[in-house]
Amino acid sequence: MSAPTLGFIARPTLPPARYVPLARAVEAAGIDELWLWEDCFKETAVAGAAAVLGATDRLRVGLGVLPVPLRNVALTAMEIATIDGMFPGRLVPGVGHGVQEWMGRAGARAASPLALLREHLTALRALLAGERVTTRGRYVTLDDVALDWPPATRPPVLAAAVGPRTLRLVGEHADGVILTSATGLDGLPGALEQVGAGRRAVGREDPFAVVAFVAVARRVEHLADTRAMLARGGHDVADDAGLARLAAFGDAEQVAATLRAYADAGATTVVAEPDAHERDPEGLAAWFGQEVAPLLR
């Protein structure tokens, strides 16, 4: 099993002013990627990605994820292509159908989130490939649209998924899947089976990325917010053994062993997700890159 790509998340609970210092700490720690979220109604991941890429030299930035109900697909393609043109190969775009409550509050809730995600993915990948697109779908309408400055090489477009129908759709129409920390080790095989079913249904055998977000902390008590969030989602995290199937905590060897299990189960990228109340994400990133990462390579 080859070593997974390693990432670190800048949670949107951080103020925007913290993004660049954290990105520099992540790069200095030797971590491959920094992932940005676009939770309503916090920071936009696209603006953050541009700032982070401009402030670093080699760091890749993942968008995990852009909620498509808020975005016209032509604009999304233009933003991704612009950033890729300035920082070739350093942006990892990801999209999703969004949290429906938030989409409703923004006046953008779709009657069929899956239909919207399918149409958006199809058009977005075509536009980023330099194609001229005309389509009239339920949600996505384009009339003879092509990018003036498409990427020299189309970046893989990933999509987030939780439920089985979305997982199968992502297998059919995306270049990779983004799995939240709530998926956990126990949920990973089933999620990948659903993705695989979607890929088999359309005869796909091309490379496919599997990005797994994993809550990471040096001490289990530093996962208080994560434990509460998982419990609200119906997970049994009353004891540390249950939490250990959904999070990585302890010393470097313990955390590396948990993350290696994710890679062994099929994750090609493992992304450390600090707790929402982590006071020193730069310090956690330094520890993760300098002490945990060498054990995974």
C-alpha atoms as a PDB file:
ATOM      1  CA  MET A   1       0.000   0.000   0.000  1.00  0.00           C
ATOM      2  CA  SER A   2       1.494   3.329  -1.056  1.00  0.00           C
ATOM      3  CA  ALA A   3       1.610   6.202   1.417  1.00  0.00           C
ATOM      4  CA  PRO A   4      -1.470   8.428   1.337  1.00  0.00           C
ATOM      5  CA  THR A   5      -1.396  12.101   0.475  1.00  0.00           C
ATOM      6  CA  LEU A   6      -1.715  14.071   3.716  1.00  0.00           C
ATOM      7  CA  GLY A   7      -3.786  17.176   4.265  1.00  0.00           C
ATOM      8  CA  PHE A   8      -4.878  19.523   7.028  1.00  0.00           C
ATOM      9  CA  ILE A   9      -8.142  21.449   7.339  1.00  0.00           C
ATOM     10  CA  ALA A  10      -8.535  25.164   8.008  1.00  0.00           C
ATOM     11  CA  ARG A  11     -11.946  25.078   9.636  1.00  0.00           C
ATOM     12  CA  PRO A  12     -14.264  28.006   8.886  1.00  0.00           C
ATOM     13  CA  THR A  13     -14.487  28.671  12.627  1.00  0.00           C
ATOM     14  CA  LEU A  14     -11.110  30.380  12.118  1.00  0.00           C
ATOM     15  CA  PRO A  15     -11.316  34.072  11.222  1.00  0.00           C
ATOM     16  CA  PRO A  16     -10.084  34.881   7.706  1.00  0.00           C
ATOM     17  CA  ALA A  17      -6.981  36.584   9.099  1.00  0.00           C
ATOM     18  CA  ARG A  18      -5.759  33.193  10.385  1.00  0.00           C
ATOM     19  CA  TYR A  19      -5.817  31.439   7.007  1.00  0.00           C
ATOM     20  CA  VAL A  20      -2.464  32.578   5.626  1.00  0.00           C
ATOM     21  CA  PRO A  21      -0.486  32.014   8.860  1.00  0.00           C
ATOM     22  CA  LEU A  22      -1.982  28.540   9.151  1.00  0.00           C
ATOM     23  CA  ALA A  23      -1.213  27.779   5.509  1.00  0.00           C
ATOM     24  CA  ARG A  24       2.401  28.773   6.004  1.00  0.00           C
ATOM     25  CA  ALA A  25       2.613  26.561   9.087  1.00  0.00           C
ATOM     26  CA  VAL A  26       1.118  23.650   7.158  1.00  0.00           C
ATOM     27  CA  GLU A  27       3.609  24.105   4.330  1.00  0.00           C
ATOM     28  CA  ALA A  28       6.534  24.448   6.748  1.00  0.00           C
ATOM     29  CA  ALA A  29       5.456  21.198   8.406  1.00  0.00           C
ATOM     30  CA  GLY A  30       5.776  19.365   5.092  1.00  0.00           C
ATOM     31  CA  ILE A  31       2.060  18.552   4.754  1.00  0.00           C
ATOM     32  CA  ASP A  32       0.902  18.145   1.148  1.00  0.00           C
ATOM     33  CA  GLU A  33      -2.435  19.981   1.175  1.00  0.00           C
ATOM     34  CA  LEU A  34      -4.549  22.510   3.058  1.00  0.00           C
ATOM     35  CA  TRP A  35      -8.307  22.043   2.729  1.00  0.00           C
ATOM     36  CA  LEU A  36     -10.806  24.905   2.962  1.00  0.00           C
ATOM     37  CA  TRP A  37     -14.519  24.597   3.612  1.00  0.00           C
ATOM     38  CA  GLU A  38     -17.306  26.859   2.360  1.00  0.00           C
ATOM     39  CA  ASP A  39     -19.787  26.605   5.222  1.00  0.00           C
ATOM     40  CA  CYS A  40     -22.631  29.109   5.284  1.00  0.00           C
ATOM     41  CA  PHE A  41     -22.244  31.864   6.197  1.00  0.00           C
ATOM     42  CA  LYS A  42     -18.544  31.997   6.821  1.00  0.00           C
ATOM     43  CA  GLU A  43     -15.567  32.309   4.456  1.00  0.00           C
ATOM     44  CA  THR A  44     -15.683  31.603   0.745  1.00  0.00           C
ATOM     45  CA  ALA A  45     -13.246  28.838  -0.121  1.00  0.00           C
ATOM     46  CA  VAL A  46     -12.342  30.338  -3.513  1.00  0.00           C
ATOM     47  CA  ALA A  47     -11.118  33.647  -2.075  1.00  0.00           C
ATOM     48  CA  GLY A  48      -9.274  31.779   0.665  1.00  0.00           C
ATOM     49  CA  ALA A  49      -7.633  29.441  -1.835  1.00  0.00           C
ATOM     50  CA  ALA A  50      -6.317  32.311  -3.942  1.00  0.00           C
ATOM     51  CA  ALA A  51      -4.814  34.022  -0.886  1.00  0.00           C
ATOM     52  CA  VAL A  52      -3.267  30.809   0.458  1.00  0.00           C
ATOM     53  CA  LEU A  53      -1.767  29.808  -2.885  1.00  0.00           C
ATOM     54  CA  GLY A  54      -0.268  33.262  -3.332  1.00  0.00           C
ATOM     55  CA  ALA A  55       1.304  33.110   0.136  1.00  0.00           C
ATOM     56  CA  THR A  56       2.886  29.651  -0.250  1.00  0.00           C
ATOM     57  CA  ASP A  57       5.233  27.983  -2.708  1.00  0.00           C
ATOM     58  CA  ARG A  58       4.280  24.318  -3.121  1.00  0.00           C
ATOM     59  CA  LEU A  59       1.201  23.740  -0.973  1.00  0.00           C
ATOM     60  CA  ARG A  60      -1.868  22.376  -2.778  1.00  0.00           C
ATOM     61  CA  VAL A  61      -5.271  23.665  -1.705  1.00  0.00           C
ATOM     62  CA  GLY A  62      -8.406  21.551  -1.639  1.00  0.00           C
ATOM     63  CA  LEU A  63     -11.904  23.000  -1.827  1.00  0.00           C
ATOM     64  CA  GLY A  64     -13.993  20.791   0.371  1.00  0.00           C
ATOM     65  CA  VAL A  65     -16.556  21.784  -0.816  1.00  0.00           C
ATOM     66  CA  LEU A  66     -18.276  24.434  -2.937  1.00  0.00           C
ATOM     67  CA  PRO A  67     -22.085  24.085  -2.501  1.00  0.00           C
ATOM     68  CA  VAL A  68     -23.445  24.050  -6.037  1.00  0.00           C
ATOM     69  CA  PRO A  69     -26.898  25.540  -5.270  1.00  0.00           C
ATOM     70  CA  LEU A  70     -25.140  28.830  -4.485  1.00  0.00           C
ATOM     71  CA  ARG A  71     -23.135  28.834  -7.728  1.00  0.00           C
ATOM     72  CA  ASN A  72     -23.726  29.164 -11.440  1.00  0.00           C
ATOM     73  CA  VAL A  73     -21.616  26.468 -13.052  1.00  0.00           C
ATOM     74  CA  ALA A  74     -20.046  28.908 -15.525  1.00  0.00           C
ATOM     75  CA  LEU A  75     -18.816  31.063 -12.651  1.00  0.00           C
ATOM     76  CA  THR A  76     -17.479  28.041 -10.792  1.00  0.00           C
ATOM     77  CA  ALA A  77     -15.573  26.955 -13.893  1.00  0.00           C
ATOM     78  CA  MET A  78     -14.206  30.481 -14.411  1.00  0.00           C
ATOM     79  CA  GLU A  79     -12.983  30.681 -10.800  1.00  0.00           C
ATOM     80  CA  ILE A  80     -11.309  27.270 -10.883  1.00  0.00           C
ATOM     81  CA  ALA A  81      -9.701  27.953 -14.266  1.00  0.00           C
ATOM     82  CA  THR A  82      -8.432  31.359 -13.148  1.00  0.00           C
ATOM     83  CA  ILE A  83      -6.777  29.960 -10.033  1.00  0.00           C
ATOM     84  CA  ASP A  84      -5.343  27.014 -11.963  1.00  0.00           C
ATOM     85  CA  GLY A  85      -3.948  29.416 -14.542  1.00  0.00           C
ATOM     86  CA  MET A  86      -2.084  31.309 -11.827  1.00  0.00           C
ATOM     87  CA  PHE A  87      -1.080  28.265  -9.764  1.00  0.00           C
ATOM     88  CA  PRO A  88      -1.092  25.275 -12.145  1.00  0.00           C
ATOM     89  CA  GLY A  89      -1.769  21.927 -10.558  1.00  0.00           C
ATOM     90  CA  ARG A  90      -2.069  23.287  -7.018  1.00  0.00           C
ATOM     91  CA  LEU A  91      -5.878  23.489  -6.723  1.00  0.00           C
ATOM     92  CA  VAL A  92      -8.017  20.435  -5.886  1.00  0.00           C
ATOM     93  CA  PRO A  93     -11.621  21.509  -6.540  1.00  0.00           C
ATOM     94  CA  GLY A  94     -14.505  19.803  -4.791  1.00  0.00           C
ATOM     95  CA  VAL A  95     -18.250  20.425  -4.979  1.00  0.00           C
ATOM     96  CA  GLY A  96     -21.335  19.165  -3.173  1.00  0.00           C
ATOM     97  CA  HIS A  97     -25.088  19.606  -3.046  1.00  0.00           C
ATOM     98  CA  GLY A  98     -24.819  21.622   0.161  1.00  0.00           C
ATOM     99  CA  VAL A  99     -26.521  21.447   3.535  1.00  0.00           C
ATOM    100  CA  GLN A 100     -30.163  21.816   2.635  1.00  0.00           C
ATOM    101  CA  GLU A 101     -31.084  23.945   5.647  1.00  0.00           C
ATOM    102  CA  TRP A 102     -28.393  26.445   4.717  1.00  0.00           C
ATOM    103  CA  MET A 103     -29.405  26.388   1.073  1.00  0.00           C
ATOM    104  CA  GLY A 104     -32.963  27.170   2.112  1.00  0.00           C
ATOM    105  CA  ARG A 105     -31.862  30.098   4.255  1.00  0.00           C
ATOM    106  CA  ALA A 106     -29.958  31.477   1.264  1.00  0.00           C
ATOM    107  CA  GLY A 107     -32.959  31.078  -1.038  1.00  0.00           C
ATOM    108  CA  ALA A 108     -31.132  28.469  -3.125  1.00  0.00           C
ATOM    109  CA  ARG A 109     -32.612  25.144  -2.027  1.00  0.00           C
ATOM    110  CA  ALA A 110     -33.167  22.772  -4.947  1.00  0.00           C
ATOM    111  CA  ALA A 111     -36.156  20.444  -5.142  1.00  0.00           C
ATOM    112  CA  SER A 112     -33.793  17.703  -6.332  1.00  0.00           C
ATOM    113  CA  PRO A 113     -30.274  18.220  -4.955  1.00  0.00           C
ATOM    114  CA  LEU A 114     -29.044  15.091  -6.740  1.00  0.00           C
ATOM    115  CA  ALA A 115     -30.270  16.264 -10.151  1.00  0.00           C
ATOM    116  CA  LEU A 116     -28.564  19.608  -9.597  1.00  0.00           C
ATOM    117  CA  LEU A 117     -25.282  17.978  -8.539  1.00  0.00           C
ATOM    118  CA  ARG A 118     -25.344  15.638 -11.541  1.00  0.00           C
ATOM    119  CA  GLU A 119     -25.945  18.474 -14.007  1.00  0.00           C
ATOM    120  CA  HIS A 120     -23.363  20.713 -12.360  1.00  0.00           C
ATOM    121  CA  LEU A 121     -20.654  18.038 -12.329  1.00  0.00           C
ATOM    122  CA  THR A 122     -21.240  17.134 -15.966  1.00  0.00           C
ATOM    123  CA  ALA A 123     -21.078  20.724 -17.170  1.00  0.00           C
ATOM    124  CA  LEU A 124     -18.187  21.708 -14.884  1.00  0.00           C
ATOM    125  CA  ARG A 125     -15.921  18.879 -16.006  1.00  0.00           C
ATOM    126  CA  ALA A 126     -16.689  19.629 -19.655  1.00  0.00           C
ATOM    127  CA  LEU A 127     -15.984  23.349 -19.302  1.00  0.00           C
ATOM    128  CA  LEU A 128     -12.703  22.730 -17.472  1.00  0.00           C
ATOM    129  CA  ALA A 129     -11.715  20.325 -20.256  1.00  0.00           C
ATOM    130  CA  GLY A 130     -12.010  23.210 -22.731  1.00  0.00           C
ATOM    131  CA  GLU A 131     -15.222  21.982 -24.321  1.00  0.00           C
ATOM    132  CA  ARG A 132     -17.939  24.233 -25.725  1.00  0.00           C
ATOM    133  CA  VAL A 133     -21.117  23.371 -23.855  1.00  0.00           C
ATOM    134  CA  THR A 134     -24.770  23.770 -24.676  1.00  0.00           C
ATOM    135  CA  THR A 135     -27.178  22.109 -22.275  1.00  0.00           C
ATOM    136  CA  ARG A 136     -30.708  22.678 -21.020  1.00  0.00           C
ATOM    137  CA  GLY A 137     -31.253  20.691 -17.876  1.00  0.00           C
ATOM    138  CA  ARG A 138     -33.581  21.043 -14.957  1.00  0.00           C
ATOM    139  CA  TYR A 139     -31.130  23.346 -13.184  1.00  0.00           C
ATOM    140  CA  VAL A 140     -28.134  23.955 -15.441  1.00  0.00           C
ATOM    141  CA  THR A 141     -28.605  25.858 -18.689  1.00  0.00           C
ATOM    142  CA  LEU A 142     -25.696  26.874 -20.905  1.00  0.00           C
ATOM    143  CA  ASP A 143     -25.881  28.209 -24.447  1.00  0.00           C
ATOM    144  CA  ASP A 144     -22.655  27.834 -26.445  1.00  0.00           C
ATOM    145  CA  VAL A 145     -20.388  28.450 -23.426  1.00  0.00           C
ATOM    146  CA  ALA A 146     -16.643  27.827 -23.458  1.00  0.00           C
ATOM    147  CA  LEU A 147     -13.879  29.191 -21.259  1.00  0.00           C
ATOM    148  CA  ASP A 148     -11.436  31.588 -22.891  1.00  0.00           C
ATOM    149  CA  TRP A 149      -8.736  30.396 -20.477  1.00  0.00           C
ATOM    150  CA  PRO A 150      -9.379  26.742 -19.654  1.00  0.00           C
ATOM    151  CA  PRO A 151      -6.741  24.864 -17.634  1.00  0.00           C
ATOM    152  CA  ALA A 152      -3.896  23.409 -19.684  1.00  0.00           C
ATOM    153  CA  THR A 153      -4.751  20.112 -18.009  1.00  0.00           C
ATOM    154  CA  ARG A 154      -8.230  19.631 -16.570  1.00  0.00           C
ATOM    155  CA  PRO A 155      -7.994  19.275 -12.796  1.00  0.00           C
ATOM    156  CA  PRO A 156      -9.836  16.342 -11.256  1.00  0.00           C
ATOM    157  CA  VAL A 157     -13.212  17.492  -9.921  1.00  0.00           C
ATOM    158  CA  LEU A 158     -14.137  15.825  -6.648  1.00  0.00           C
ATOM    159  CA  ALA A 159     -17.522  15.740  -4.934  1.00  0.00           C
ATOM    160  CA  ALA A 160     -18.639  15.186  -1.354  1.00  0.00           C
ATOM    161  CA  ALA A 161     -21.103  12.462  -0.492  1.00  0.00           C
ATOM    162  CA  VAL A 162     -22.691  10.846   2.547  1.00  0.00           C
ATOM    163  CA  GLY A 163     -25.838   8.963   1.518  1.00  0.00           C
ATOM    164  CA  PRO A 164     -25.846   5.963  -0.820  1.00  0.00           C
ATOM    165  CA  ARG A 165     -27.552   7.717  -3.745  1.00  0.00           C
ATOM    166  CA  THR A 166     -25.085  10.602  -3.656  1.00  0.00           C
ATOM    167  CA  LEU A 167     -22.148   8.197  -3.328  1.00  0.00           C
ATOM    168  CA  ARG A 168     -23.269   6.315  -6.437  1.00  0.00           C
ATOM    169  CA  LEU A 169     -23.777   9.576  -8.335  1.00  0.00           C
ATOM    170  CA  VAL A 170     -20.265  10.716  -7.398  1.00  0.00           C
ATOM    171  CA  GLY A 171     -18.877   7.414  -8.642  1.00  0.00           C
ATOM    172  CA  GLU A 172     -20.608   7.991 -11.972  1.00  0.00           C
ATOM    173  CA  HIS A 173     -19.854  11.673 -12.531  1.00  0.00           C
ATOM    174  CA  ALA A 174     -16.887  12.895 -10.428  1.00  0.00           C
ATOM    175  CA  ASP A 175     -13.158  12.212 -10.405  1.00  0.00           C
ATOM    176  CA  GLY A 176     -13.067  11.465  -6.700  1.00  0.00           C
ATOM    177  CA  VAL A 177     -15.109  11.430  -3.511  1.00  0.00           C
ATOM    178  CA  ILE A 178     -14.729  13.513  -0.358  1.00  0.00           C
ATOM    179  CA  LEU A 179     -15.880  11.712   2.801  1.00  0.00           C
ATOM    180  CA  THR A 180     -16.624  13.615   6.007  1.00  0.00           C
ATOM    181  CA  SER A 181     -15.157  12.625   9.353  1.00  0.00           C
ATOM    182  CA  ALA A 182     -18.549  11.161  10.299  1.00  0.00           C
ATOM    183  CA  THR A 183     -17.967   8.344   7.790  1.00  0.00           C
ATOM    184  CA  GLY A 184     -15.298   6.803   9.994  1.00  0.00           C
ATOM    185  CA  LEU A 185     -13.395   3.581   9.588  1.00  0.00           C
ATOM    186  CA  ASP A 186     -16.522   1.466   9.897  1.00  0.00           C
ATOM    187  CA  GLY A 187     -18.384   3.432   7.230  1.00  0.00           C
ATOM    188  CA  LEU A 188     -15.527   3.667   4.728  1.00  0.00           C
ATOM    189  CA  PRO A 189     -15.882   0.217   3.084  1.00  0.00           C
ATOM    190  CA  GLY A 190     -19.621   0.640   2.550  1.00  0.00           C
ATOM    191  CA  ALA A 191     -19.170   4.136   1.152  1.00  0.00           C
ATOM    192  CA  LEU A 192     -16.567   2.907  -1.321  1.00  0.00           C
ATOM    193  CA  GLU A 193     -18.796   0.029  -2.367  1.00  0.00           C
ATOM    194  CA  GLN A 194     -21.532   2.511  -3.276  1.00  0.00           C
ATOM    195  CA  VAL A 195     -19.017   4.636  -5.188  1.00  0.00           C
ATOM    196  CA  GLY A 196     -17.773   1.528  -6.949  1.00  0.00           C
ATOM    197  CA  ALA A 197     -21.305   0.557  -7.912  1.00  0.00           C
ATOM    198  CA  GLY A 198     -21.735   3.922  -9.588  1.00  0.00           C
ATOM    199  CA  ARG A 199     -18.466   3.577 -11.455  1.00  0.00           C
ATOM    200  CA  ARG A 200     -19.302   0.051 -12.610  1.00  0.00           C
ATOM    201  CA  ALA A 201     -22.728   1.175 -13.800  1.00  0.00           C
ATOM    202  CA  VAL A 202     -21.134   3.500 -16.353  1.00  0.00           C
ATOM    203  CA  GLY A 203     -18.087   1.375 -17.108  1.00  0.00           C
ATOM    204  CA  ARG A 204     -15.526   3.681 -15.522  1.00  0.00           C
ATOM    205  CA  GLU A 205     -12.009   2.391 -14.836  1.00  0.00           C
ATOM    206  CA  ASP A 206     -10.116   5.703 -14.715  1.00  0.00           C
ATOM    207  CA  PRO A 207      -8.191   6.828 -11.614  1.00  0.00           C
ATOM    208  CA  PHE A 208     -10.413   7.913  -8.739  1.00  0.00           C
ATOM    209  CA  ALA A 209      -9.437   9.861  -5.622  1.00  0.00           C
ATOM    210  CA  VAL A 210     -10.765   8.983  -2.165  1.00  0.00           C
ATOM    211  CA  VAL A 211     -10.342  11.858   0.286  1.00  0.00           C
ATOM    212  CA  ALA A 212     -11.154  11.010   3.909  1.00  0.00           C
ATOM    213  CA  PHE A 213     -11.490  13.733   6.530  1.00  0.00           C
ATOM    214  CA  VAL A 214     -10.485  12.419   9.965  1.00  0.00           C
ATOM    215  CA  ALA A 215     -10.809  14.296  13.257  1.00  0.00           C
ATOM    216  CA  VAL A 216      -7.329  14.477  14.806  1.00  0.00           C
ATOM    217  CA  ALA A 217      -6.162  15.578  18.257  1.00  0.00           C
ATOM    218  CA  ARG A 218      -3.209  14.975  20.555  1.00  0.00           C
ATOM    219  CA  ARG A 219      -5.488  14.366  23.536  1.00  0.00           C
ATOM    220  CA  VAL A 220      -8.960  12.864  23.502  1.00  0.00           C
ATOM    221  CA  GLU A 221     -10.335  15.757  25.582  1.00  0.00           C
ATOM    222  CA  HIS A 222      -9.398  18.043  22.703  1.00  0.00           C
ATOM    223  CA  LEU A 223     -12.174  16.367  20.670  1.00  0.00           C
ATOM    224  CA  ALA A 224     -15.071  17.623  22.789  1.00  0.00           C
ATOM    225  CA  ASP A 225     -16.805  19.440  19.947  1.00  0.00           C
ATOM    226  CA  THR A 226     -16.162  16.554  17.556  1.00  0.00           C
ATOM    227  CA  ARG A 227     -17.601  14.061  20.045  1.00  0.00           C
ATOM    228  CA  ALA A 228     -20.738  16.177  20.485  1.00  0.00           C
ATOM    229  CA  MET A 229     -21.165  16.578  16.719  1.00  0.00           C
ATOM    230  CA  LEU A 230     -20.822  12.851  16.101  1.00  0.00           C
ATOM    231  CA  ALA A 231     -23.220  12.026  18.934  1.00  0.00           C
ATOM    232  CA  ARG A 232     -25.828  14.347  17.404  1.00  0.00           C
ATOM    233  CA  GLY A 233     -25.406  12.372  14.193  1.00  0.00           C
ATOM    234  CA  GLY A 234     -26.325   9.134  15.967  1.00  0.00           C
ATOM    235  CA  HIS A 235     -22.810   7.744  16.471  1.00  0.00           C
ATOM    236  CA  ASP A 236     -21.942   5.911  19.683  1.00  0.00           C
ATOM    237  CA  VAL A 237     -19.031   7.867  21.108  1.00  0.00           C
ATOM    238  CA  ALA A 238     -19.815   7.436  24.783  1.00  0.00           C
ATOM    239  CA  ASP A 239     -16.435   5.822  25.364  1.00  0.00           C
ATOM    240  CA  ASP A 240     -13.039   6.320  23.785  1.00  0.00           C
ATOM    241  CA  ALA A 241     -13.194   2.974  21.969  1.00  0.00           C
ATOM    242  CA  GLY A 242     -16.239   4.106  20.015  1.00  0.00           C
ATOM    243  CA  LEU A 243     -14.677   7.467  19.279  1.00  0.00           C
ATOM    244  CA  ALA A 244     -11.518   5.747  18.013  1.00  0.00           C
ATOM    245  CA  ARG A 245     -13.487   4.344  15.066  1.00  0.00           C
ATOM    246  CA  LEU A 246     -14.288   7.922  14.002  1.00  0.00           C
ATOM    247  CA  ALA A 247     -11.279   9.965  15.091  1.00  0.00           C
ATOM    248  CA  ALA A 248      -7.511   9.741  15.576  1.00  0.00           C
ATOM    249  CA  PHE A 249      -6.077  10.807  18.930  1.00  0.00           C
ATOM    250  CA  GLY A 250      -3.137  10.123  21.213  1.00  0.00           C
ATOM    251  CA  ASP A 251       0.575  10.151  20.531  1.00  0.00           C
ATOM    252  CA  ALA A 252       2.073  10.235  17.038  1.00  0.00           C
ATOM    253  CA  GLU A 253       2.237   6.441  16.764  1.00  0.00           C
ATOM    254  CA  GLN A 254      -1.427   6.046  17.732  1.00  0.00           C
ATOM    255  CA  VAL A 255      -2.619   8.717  15.315  1.00  0.00           C
ATOM    256  CA  ALA A 256      -0.463   7.320  12.501  1.00  0.00           C
ATOM    257  CA  ALA A 257      -1.838   3.825  13.089  1.00  0.00           C
ATOM    258  CA  THR A 258      -5.413   5.088  12.784  1.00  0.00           C
ATOM    259  CA  LEU A 259      -4.672   7.042   9.625  1.00  0.00           C
ATOM    260  CA  ARG A 260      -2.826   4.072   8.136  1.00  0.00           C
ATOM    261  CA  ALA A 261      -6.002   2.043   8.662  1.00  0.00           C
ATOM    262  CA  TYR A 262      -7.912   4.582   6.563  1.00  0.00           C
ATOM    263  CA  ALA A 263      -5.322   4.273   3.799  1.00  0.00           C
ATOM    264  CA  ASP A 264      -5.442   0.475   3.983  1.00  0.00           C
ATOM    265  CA  ALA A 265      -9.244   0.685   3.625  1.00  0.00           C
ATOM    266  CA  GLY A 266      -8.966   2.676   0.394  1.00  0.00           C
ATOM    267  CA  ALA A 267      -8.352   6.348   1.213  1.00  0.00           C
ATOM    268  CA  THR A 268      -5.837   7.911  -1.179  1.00  0.00           C
ATOM    269  CA  THR A 269      -5.757  11.197   0.776  1.00  0.00           C
ATOM    270  CA  VAL A 270      -6.168  11.482   4.548  1.00  0.00           C
ATOM    271  CA  VAL A 271      -6.952  14.973   5.856  1.00  0.00           C
ATOM    272  CA  ALA A 272      -6.532  15.908   9.520  1.00  0.00           C
ATOM    273  CA  GLU A 273      -9.537  17.806  10.842  1.00  0.00           C
ATOM    274  CA  PRO A 274      -8.852  19.789  14.037  1.00  0.00           C
ATOM    275  CA  ASP A 275     -11.622  20.200  16.559  1.00  0.00           C
ATOM    276  CA  ALA A 276     -13.684  23.358  16.187  1.00  0.00           C
ATOM    277  CA  HIS A 277     -12.318  24.573  19.528  1.00  0.00           C
ATOM    278  CA  GLU A 278      -8.666  23.829  18.764  1.00  0.00           C
ATOM    279  CA  ARG A 279      -6.819  26.935  20.003  1.00  0.00           C
ATOM    280  CA  ASP A 280      -3.523  26.244  18.276  1.00  0.00           C
ATOM    281  CA  PRO A 281      -4.119  24.795  14.802  1.00  0.00           C
ATOM    282  CA  GLU A 282      -0.642  25.924  13.721  1.00  0.00           C
ATOM    283  CA  GLY A 283       0.904  23.901  16.548  1.00  0.00           C
ATOM    284  CA  LEU A 284      -1.266  20.891  15.720  1.00  0.00           C
ATOM    285  CA  ALA A 285      -0.242  21.151  12.067  1.00  0.00           C
ATOM    286  CA  ALA A 286       3.444  21.292  13.013  1.00  0.00           C
ATOM    287  CA  TRP A 287       3.074  18.193  15.212  1.00  0.00           C
ATOM    288  CA  PHE A 288       1.088  16.374  12.529  1.00  0.00           C
ATOM    289  CA  GLY A 289       3.606  17.136   9.794  1.00  0.00           C
ATOM    290  CA  GLN A 290       6.774  16.599  11.797  1.00  0.00           C
ATOM    291  CA  GLU A 291       5.832  13.648  14.011  1.00  0.00           C
ATOM    292  CA  VAL A 292       2.867  11.836  12.471  1.00  0.00           C
ATOM    293  CA  ALA A 293       3.559  12.212   8.737  1.00  0.00           C
ATOM    294  CA  PRO A 294       7.003  10.518   8.769  1.00  0.00           C
ATOM    295  CA  LEU A 295       5.373   7.410  10.221  1.00  0.00           C
ATOM    296  CA  LEU A 296       3.049   7.213   7.192  1.00  0.00           C
ATOM    297  CA  ARG A 297       5.679   7.600   4.472  1.00  0.00           C
END
